[in-house]
Amino acid sequence: MNSPAARRIVEQLNRHGHIALYAGGCVRDHLLNQPSKDIDIATSATPDEVQSIFPRVTGLEGKCYGVVRVMEDHQTFEVAMFRTDGVYRDGRRPESVQKSTPEEDAKRRDFTVNGMFYDPTNEKIIDYVGGQEDLQKKIIRTIGKAEERFAEDKLRLLRAIRFATKLNFEIDPETFREIQNKSSEINAVAVERIRDELDKIWVSPSPDRGLTLLDESGLLQQILPEITALHGVDQPPQFHPEGDVFIHTRIMLSLLNQAPLPVALAVLFHDVGKKPTYKVDETGRIRFNGHESVGARMTLQILERLRYSNEIIDEVVLAVQNHMTFKDVPKMRMSKLKRFLARATLENEMELHRVDCLSSHADLSIYQFIRQKQQEIPAEEIKPPRLVNGNDLMAIGSKPGKVLGELLRLIEDAQLEGQLKTKEEALAFAQEKMQKIEHSS
């Protein structure tokens, strides 16, 4: 709340005869002694009046809803007119807005803890909706009737879960019942908005609690039925004494704390392929043969459905595909091990492996083995510069195509094994391999 730029905007509006207050989440965070990313300002000024006062106003497409953005000291602040809303027909935006008072404006907001104002001039909290009391009780509650608030913007169904997860608050029973009753209506919301709310849950301090609330509310079944399906998928007790795949996934999430998004998503989806690959063999042992490959394909479909970026999709799918590879690491040849250690996604996959182990058999020996090898093998040996390139090989007689590619791979393997150290050694090695390839053909 200590923002000189935001305070100057309020003072300017006050000088022109307008009420101006900080509004919403920044007030909540201030009362919780937590940092706030943004400061939003609510005012009695109309967007046109705001434009007449400040030289740099953007976001004019929001004027019809009473909202513009003001640039001050290289920062952008949302400045919204106190308003009441007309009818909501699309489950997101009102068809019209009218100028109103601060009290009326507060009553059209989503949750009590987000419905308070702060007067920075007089350093005073203005609370028309009981937000301070609910903050003290650690409760997420809709302002007014839950049915009406959720009908206005159906994303609020998911936002309630997000705030409860982020703040470690309980959800008011009446509010939660209405979320359960209306859970299927989340499908009316744009998938990008759903994805963004979910992401804030997964990278929060308690993503496992978010998963539980999503599940109990019915929203998980609507958004990620593939994860709901993990309930009751039993696992071999000798490796997974913790229980079924859903329980295993939830425990893994509990071991994260504001992890990078690709890690959290990889944890969430790493075993999604176990449901379709579940099998009990002739000895009575549960098996999930190929679940990592099936899971990678499912993860690709889910992330594309939620319209993630290609960068996120590639990283998460690779982590799901590779998570069973860790068991083979101690048996890898040095060249293969070095390739494994050189992968750009290794650290995120290491975290996935760590929590996978801790949530089940608790054996971290492979994790510790990899960490030891990272210390033992110099970085320049893990990913050394190539000794030769394709042009070098063609200069000694190799033809473009599969043979050239195979030679480059063999040379790189030998280099990683420590058998080749110079360009001359690599070219001599290539000559020998070429002769063998030609002789065999």
Foldseek 3Di string as FASTA:
>chain_A
DPDPQVVVLQVLCVVVPKHKWWFFPCVLCVVVVHDDPATEMEMQDAPVRSCVRAVDKAPCVCNQQQWIWGDTPNDIYIYGAQWAAADADLQAHGPGIDHDDLLNSLLLDFWQLGSWIADPVVRDIGHNQCNVVCSVQQETETRPQLLVNCSRHVCSLLVSLLVCQQSVGYYDPNNLVVLLVCLLVCVSDPLLSVVVSLLSLLLHQQVLSSVVSCLVSVNCCNQPVLLVLQPPQFAFCLFFVQTTPNSLLSQLSNPDGSDPSLLSLLSSQLQSQQNVQWDQDPVRHTDRPPSLVVSLVVLLVSCVVSPDDPVSNVLSSVLSNCLVVLVCQVVDQQLVNLQQVPDPSNVSSLSSNCSSLCSGVVDCVSSVVNVVVPVVDDPCLSPPDQQDDLVVQVVVPDDDDDLSVVLSVVLSSCSSNVNDDHNVVSNVVSVVVVVVVVVVD
